[in-house]
Amino acid sequence: MRAVRGRLLSLVVASATVLALVAPAPAVGLGGMPRASLRRAGIATRQGQLVRPVMRQRIERVLARRKARFDAVTALLSARLDRLESIATTLAAAGGDVTSARDFIDKSRTALVQAEASEAQAVTAFQAIPDQDDKRVAFRAAMVTGRSATRELNEARMYSRRAVAELLKVVAQIKAGER
């Protein structure tokens, strides 16, 4: 009995080996189609079904941290711009010319609004990555959008620093006029 079972098992293994070497995989029905073709055909693999929720969770965690940082920075910058606006009002009442400082404050607010809009687009792009066929391209596009939001936020900071420099010049002019 054991000998028959051993011969039968040897025969099955040998025939499977010969079949694998002689017949191409698509003819036998084993794989053959690349994953990208399977995805394009609308056939979800089990691995793809398991990866999507994990990817969504990771993206949500990253976006939550990014949102916390971005919101903190925008809140600080907005508070700084409000304070600069009040200082500009005080200096204007003291007789200083604060038009250039106010221009920089307005440019900074505009850049801040643009950064918030770009950040919203980046969040949408990141959330759409798991549903895309080519996740690598979708990720790169989302990163570009996220970088533009960061760049616009840095522009807003730069304009606020220039507003501070202009206000310092006005303070120096007012002090020089008092002497």
C-alpha atoms as a PDB file:
ATOM      1  CA  MET A   1       0.000   0.000   0.000  1.00  0.00           C
ATOM      2  CA  ARG A   2       2.788   2.392   0.942  1.00  0.00           C
ATOM      3  CA  ALA A   3       4.720   1.507  -2.165  1.00  0.00           C
ATOM      4  CA  VAL A   4       1.724   2.235  -4.394  1.00  0.00           C
ATOM      5  CA  ARG A   5       1.107   5.567  -2.670  1.00  0.00           C
ATOM      6  CA  GLY A   6       4.811   6.490  -3.010  1.00  0.00           C
ATOM      7  CA  ARG A   7       4.853   5.626  -6.723  1.00  0.00           C
ATOM      8  CA  LEU A   8       1.644   7.567  -7.298  1.00  0.00           C
ATOM      9  CA  LEU A   9       3.068  10.618  -5.505  1.00  0.00           C
ATOM     10  CA  SER A  10       6.303  10.368  -7.508  1.00  0.00           C
ATOM     11  CA  LEU A  11       4.313  10.156 -10.724  1.00  0.00           C
ATOM     12  CA  VAL A  12       2.269  13.261  -9.848  1.00  0.00           C
ATOM     13  CA  VAL A  13       5.348  15.269  -8.907  1.00  0.00           C
ATOM     14  CA  ALA A  14       7.231  14.174 -12.016  1.00  0.00           C
ATOM     15  CA  SER A  15       4.323  14.970 -14.337  1.00  0.00           C
ATOM     16  CA  ALA A  16       3.843  18.387 -12.718  1.00  0.00           C
ATOM     17  CA  THR A  17       7.546  19.113 -13.164  1.00  0.00           C
ATOM     18  CA  VAL A  18       7.522  18.048 -16.819  1.00  0.00           C
ATOM     19  CA  LEU A  19       4.338  20.014 -17.458  1.00  0.00           C
ATOM     20  CA  ALA A  20       5.843  23.112 -15.852  1.00  0.00           C
ATOM     21  CA  LEU A  21       8.949  22.854 -18.008  1.00  0.00           C
ATOM     22  CA  VAL A  22       7.240  21.996 -21.294  1.00  0.00           C
ATOM     23  CA  ALA A  23       3.951  23.925 -21.267  1.00  0.00           C
ATOM     24  CA  PRO A  24       3.891  27.698 -20.852  1.00  0.00           C
ATOM     25  CA  ALA A  25       2.225  28.932 -17.688  1.00  0.00           C
ATOM     26  CA  PRO A  26      -0.717  30.741 -19.381  1.00  0.00           C
ATOM     27  CA  ALA A  27      -1.634  27.561 -21.259  1.00  0.00           C
ATOM     28  CA  VAL A  28      -1.900  25.638 -18.025  1.00  0.00           C
ATOM     29  CA  GLY A  29      -3.744  28.473 -16.330  1.00  0.00           C
ATOM     30  CA  LEU A  30      -1.082  29.271 -13.755  1.00  0.00           C
ATOM     31  CA  GLY A  31      -0.468  33.002 -13.485  1.00  0.00           C
ATOM     32  CA  GLY A  32       0.842  34.305 -16.755  1.00  0.00           C
ATOM     33  CA  MET A  33      -0.977  37.640 -16.623  1.00  0.00           C
ATOM     34  CA  PRO A  34       0.986  40.400 -14.914  1.00  0.00           C
ATOM     35  CA  ARG A  35      -0.633  42.074 -11.921  1.00  0.00           C
ATOM     36  CA  ALA A  36      -1.023  45.356 -13.738  1.00  0.00           C
ATOM     37  CA  SER A  37      -3.047  43.583 -16.431  1.00  0.00           C
ATOM     38  CA  LEU A  38      -5.168  41.912 -13.766  1.00  0.00           C
ATOM     39  CA  ARG A  39      -5.882  45.272 -12.151  1.00  0.00           C
ATOM     40  CA  ARG A  40      -6.726  46.851 -15.465  1.00  0.00           C
ATOM     41  CA  ALA A  41      -9.055  43.979 -16.205  1.00  0.00           C
ATOM     42  CA  GLY A  42     -10.856  44.684 -12.953  1.00  0.00           C
ATOM     43  CA  ILE A  43      -9.791  41.472 -11.268  1.00  0.00           C
ATOM     44  CA  ALA A  44      -8.864  42.173  -7.655  1.00  0.00           C
ATOM     45  CA  THR A  45      -6.244  39.869  -6.243  1.00  0.00           C
ATOM     46  CA  ARG A  46      -6.503  38.750  -2.663  1.00  0.00           C
ATOM     47  CA  GLN A  47      -3.307  40.580  -1.867  1.00  0.00           C
ATOM     48  CA  GLY A  48      -4.734  43.784  -3.355  1.00  0.00           C
ATOM     49  CA  GLN A  49      -7.861  43.381  -1.253  1.00  0.00           C
ATOM     50  CA  LEU A  50      -5.739  43.107   1.870  1.00  0.00           C
ATOM     51  CA  VAL A  51      -3.330  45.909   0.985  1.00  0.00           C
ATOM     52  CA  ARG A  52      -5.921  48.616   0.278  1.00  0.00           C
ATOM     53  CA  PRO A  53      -7.299  48.940   3.835  1.00  0.00           C
ATOM     54  CA  VAL A  54      -3.798  48.916   5.307  1.00  0.00           C
ATOM     55  CA  MET A  55      -2.702  51.571   2.831  1.00  0.00           C
ATOM     56  CA  ARG A  56      -5.765  53.684   3.652  1.00  0.00           C
ATOM     57  CA  GLN A  57      -4.999  53.440   7.373  1.00  0.00           C
ATOM     58  CA  ARG A  58      -1.378  54.450   6.868  1.00  0.00           C
ATOM     59  CA  ILE A  59      -2.366  57.380   4.668  1.00  0.00           C
ATOM     60  CA  GLU A  60      -4.952  58.524   7.226  1.00  0.00           C
ATOM     61  CA  ARG A  61      -2.358  58.427  10.018  1.00  0.00           C
ATOM     62  CA  VAL A  62       0.154  60.394   7.978  1.00  0.00           C
ATOM     63  CA  LEU A  63      -2.486  62.906   6.928  1.00  0.00           C
ATOM     64  CA  ALA A  64      -3.631  63.363  10.533  1.00  0.00           C
ATOM     65  CA  ARG A  65      -0.073  64.223  11.604  1.00  0.00           C
ATOM     66  CA  ARG A  66       0.418  66.467   8.579  1.00  0.00           C
ATOM     67  CA  LYS A  67      -2.872  68.248   9.285  1.00  0.00           C
ATOM     68  CA  ALA A  68      -1.910  68.820  12.920  1.00  0.00           C
ATOM     69  CA  ARG A  69       1.441  70.352  11.917  1.00  0.00           C
ATOM     70  CA  PHE A  70      -0.019  72.383   9.076  1.00  0.00           C
ATOM     71  CA  ASP A  71      -2.877  73.716  11.213  1.00  0.00           C
ATOM     72  CA  ALA A  72      -0.477  74.665  14.005  1.00  0.00           C
ATOM     73  CA  VAL A  73       1.801  76.533  11.606  1.00  0.00           C
ATOM     74  CA  THR A  74      -1.061  78.340   9.888  1.00  0.00           C
ATOM     75  CA  ALA A  75      -2.581  79.332  13.240  1.00  0.00           C
ATOM     76  CA  LEU A  76       0.750  80.755  14.430  1.00  0.00           C
ATOM     77  CA  LEU A  77       1.319  82.581  11.175  1.00  0.00           C
ATOM     78  CA  SER A  78      -2.208  83.982  11.170  1.00  0.00           C
ATOM     79  CA  ALA A  79      -1.771  85.208  14.757  1.00  0.00           C
ATOM     80  CA  ARG A  80       1.554  86.777  13.799  1.00  0.00           C
ATOM     81  CA  LEU A  81      -0.066  88.568  10.863  1.00  0.00           C
ATOM     82  CA  ASP A  82      -2.833  89.865  13.128  1.00  0.00           C
ATOM     83  CA  ARG A  83      -0.207  91.192  15.522  1.00  0.00           C
ATOM     84  CA  LEU A  84       1.757  92.794  12.682  1.00  0.00           C
ATOM     85  CA  GLU A  85      -1.451  94.432  11.460  1.00  0.00           C
ATOM     86  CA  SER A  86      -2.090  95.929  14.906  1.00  0.00           C
ATOM     87  CA  ILE A  87       1.513  97.166  15.121  1.00  0.00           C
ATOM     88  CA  ALA A  88       1.152  98.721  11.675  1.00  0.00           C
ATOM     89  CA  THR A  89      -2.019 100.483  12.805  1.00  0.00           C
ATOM     90  CA  THR A  90      -0.216 101.825  15.893  1.00  0.00           C
ATOM     91  CA  LEU A  91       2.731 103.033  13.811  1.00  0.00           C
ATOM     92  CA  ALA A  92       0.424 104.664  11.263  1.00  0.00           C
ATOM     93  CA  ALA A  93      -1.299 106.524  14.111  1.00  0.00           C
ATOM     94  CA  ALA A  94       2.146 107.700  15.265  1.00  0.00           C
ATOM     95  CA  GLY A  95       2.761 109.176  11.809  1.00  0.00           C
ATOM     96  CA  GLY A  96       4.740 106.402  10.116  1.00  0.00           C
ATOM     97  CA  ASP A  97       4.316 105.289   6.510  1.00  0.00           C
ATOM     98  CA  VAL A  98       3.344 101.617   6.733  1.00  0.00           C
ATOM     99  CA  THR A  99       2.010 101.055   3.203  1.00  0.00           C
ATOM    100  CA  SER A 100       4.867  98.729   2.174  1.00  0.00           C
ATOM    101  CA  ALA A 101       4.519  96.741   5.412  1.00  0.00           C
ATOM    102  CA  ARG A 102       0.766  96.375   4.843  1.00  0.00           C
ATOM    103  CA  ASP A 103       1.434  95.240   1.270  1.00  0.00           C
ATOM    104  CA  PHE A 104       3.687  92.490   2.599  1.00  0.00           C
ATOM    105  CA  ILE A 105       1.069  91.551   5.211  1.00  0.00           C
ATOM    106  CA  ASP A 106      -1.568  91.300   2.462  1.00  0.00           C
ATOM    107  CA  LYS A 107       0.777  89.212   0.273  1.00  0.00           C
ATOM    108  CA  SER A 108       1.428  86.951   3.254  1.00  0.00           C
ATOM    109  CA  ARG A 109      -2.298  86.465   3.894  1.00  0.00           C
ATOM    110  CA  THR A 110      -2.851  85.679   0.208  1.00  0.00           C
ATOM    111  CA  ALA A 111      -0.038  83.131   0.210  1.00  0.00           C
ATOM    112  CA  LEU A 112      -1.481  81.604   3.397  1.00  0.00           C
ATOM    113  CA  VAL A 113      -4.912  81.188   1.779  1.00  0.00           C
ATOM    114  CA  GLN A 114      -3.288  79.631  -1.304  1.00  0.00           C
ATOM    115  CA  ALA A 115      -1.296  77.259   0.917  1.00  0.00           C
ATOM    116  CA  GLU A 116      -4.475  76.133   2.666  1.00  0.00           C
ATOM    117  CA  ALA A 117      -6.158  75.505  -0.701  1.00  0.00           C
ATOM    118  CA  SER A 118      -3.134  73.547  -1.966  1.00  0.00           C
ATOM    119  CA  GLU A 119      -3.074  71.521   1.245  1.00  0.00           C
ATOM    120  CA  ALA A 120      -6.726  70.589   0.749  1.00  0.00           C
ATOM    121  CA  GLN A 121      -5.907  69.428  -2.801  1.00  0.00           C
ATOM    122  CA  ALA A 122      -2.938  67.431  -1.499  1.00  0.00           C
ATOM    123  CA  VAL A 123      -5.110  65.705   1.111  1.00  0.00           C
ATOM    124  CA  THR A 124      -7.612  64.756  -1.582  1.00  0.00           C
ATOM    125  CA  ALA A 125      -4.808  63.459  -3.814  1.00  0.00           C
ATOM    126  CA  PHE A 126      -3.291  61.385  -0.994  1.00  0.00           C
ATOM    127  CA  GLN A 127      -6.659  59.889  -0.080  1.00  0.00           C
ATOM    128  CA  ALA A 128      -7.217  58.835  -3.694  1.00  0.00           C
ATOM    129  CA  ILE A 129      -3.948  56.858  -3.949  1.00  0.00           C
ATOM    130  CA  PRO A 130      -5.338  53.421  -2.902  1.00  0.00           C
ATOM    131  CA  ASP A 131      -8.003  53.553  -5.630  1.00  0.00           C
ATOM    132  CA  GLN A 132      -5.580  54.410  -8.442  1.00  0.00           C
ATOM    133  CA  ASP A 133      -4.270  51.806 -10.861  1.00  0.00           C
ATOM    134  CA  ASP A 134      -0.750  53.196 -10.804  1.00  0.00           C
ATOM    135  CA  LYS A 135      -0.150  54.066  -7.173  1.00  0.00           C
ATOM    136  CA  ARG A 136       3.401  55.233  -7.772  1.00  0.00           C
ATOM    137  CA  VAL A 137       2.324  57.929 -10.229  1.00  0.00           C
ATOM    138  CA  ALA A 138      -0.553  58.965  -7.962  1.00  0.00           C
ATOM    139  CA  PHE A 139       1.812  59.216  -5.000  1.00  0.00           C
ATOM    140  CA  ARG A 140       4.261  61.368  -6.942  1.00  0.00           C
ATOM    141  CA  ALA A 141       1.455  63.701  -8.058  1.00  0.00           C
ATOM    142  CA  ALA A 142       0.203  63.987  -4.473  1.00  0.00           C
ATOM    143  CA  MET A 143       3.726  64.754  -3.262  1.00  0.00           C
ATOM    144  CA  VAL A 144       4.077  67.532  -5.844  1.00  0.00           C
ATOM    145  CA  THR A 145       0.810  69.056  -4.647  1.00  0.00           C
ATOM    146  CA  GLY A 146       1.916  68.739  -1.020  1.00  0.00           C
ATOM    147  CA  ARG A 147       5.237  70.396  -1.801  1.00  0.00           C
ATOM    148  CA  SER A 148       3.458  73.296  -3.480  1.00  0.00           C
ATOM    149  CA  ALA A 149       1.429  73.807  -0.284  1.00  0.00           C
ATOM    150  CA  THR A 150       4.646  73.843   1.733  1.00  0.00           C
ATOM    151  CA  ARG A 151       6.267  76.226  -0.739  1.00  0.00           C
ATOM    152  CA  GLU A 152       3.307  78.628  -0.508  1.00  0.00           C
ATOM    153  CA  LEU A 153       3.418  78.440   3.273  1.00  0.00           C
ATOM    154  CA  ASN A 154       7.117  79.337   3.187  1.00  0.00           C
ATOM    155  CA  GLU A 155       6.282  82.275   0.897  1.00  0.00           C
ATOM    156  CA  ALA A 156       3.761  83.476   3.471  1.00  0.00           C
ATOM    157  CA  ARG A 157       6.474  83.286   6.150  1.00  0.00           C
ATOM    158  CA  MET A 158       8.903  85.167   3.945  1.00  0.00           C
ATOM    159  CA  TYR A 159       6.387  87.957   3.329  1.00  0.00           C
ATOM    160  CA  SER A 160       5.686  88.205   7.058  1.00  0.00           C
ATOM    161  CA  ARG A 161       9.434  88.555   7.744  1.00  0.00           C
ATOM    162  CA  ARG A 162       9.652  91.285   5.125  1.00  0.00           C
ATOM    163  CA  ALA A 163       6.702  93.037   6.779  1.00  0.00           C
ATOM    164  CA  VAL A 164       8.554  92.895  10.097  1.00  0.00           C
ATOM    165  CA  ALA A 165      11.641  94.412   8.449  1.00  0.00           C
ATOM    166  CA  GLU A 166       9.541  97.220   6.969  1.00  0.00           C
ATOM    167  CA  LEU A 167       7.889  97.902  10.320  1.00  0.00           C
ATOM    168  CA  LEU A 168      11.309  98.070  11.976  1.00  0.00           C
ATOM    169  CA  LYS A 169      12.361 100.658   9.390  1.00  0.00           C
ATOM    170  CA  VAL A 170       9.234 102.687  10.196  1.00  0.00           C
ATOM    171  CA  VAL A 171       9.997 102.487  13.927  1.00  0.00           C
ATOM    172  CA  ALA A 172      13.556 103.696  13.236  1.00  0.00           C
ATOM    173  CA  GLN A 173      12.211 106.593  11.152  1.00  0.00           C
ATOM    174  CA  ILE A 174       9.752 107.595  13.888  1.00  0.00           C
ATOM    175  CA  LYS A 175      12.513 107.458  16.527  1.00  0.00           C
ATOM    176  CA  ALA A 176      14.831 109.507  14.301  1.00  0.00           C
ATOM    177  CA  GLY A 177      12.080 112.113  13.832  1.00  0.00           C
ATOM    178  CA  GLU A 178      11.549 112.493  17.583  1.00  0.00           C
ATOM    179  CA  ARG A 179      15.165 113.400  18.237  1.00  0.00           C
END
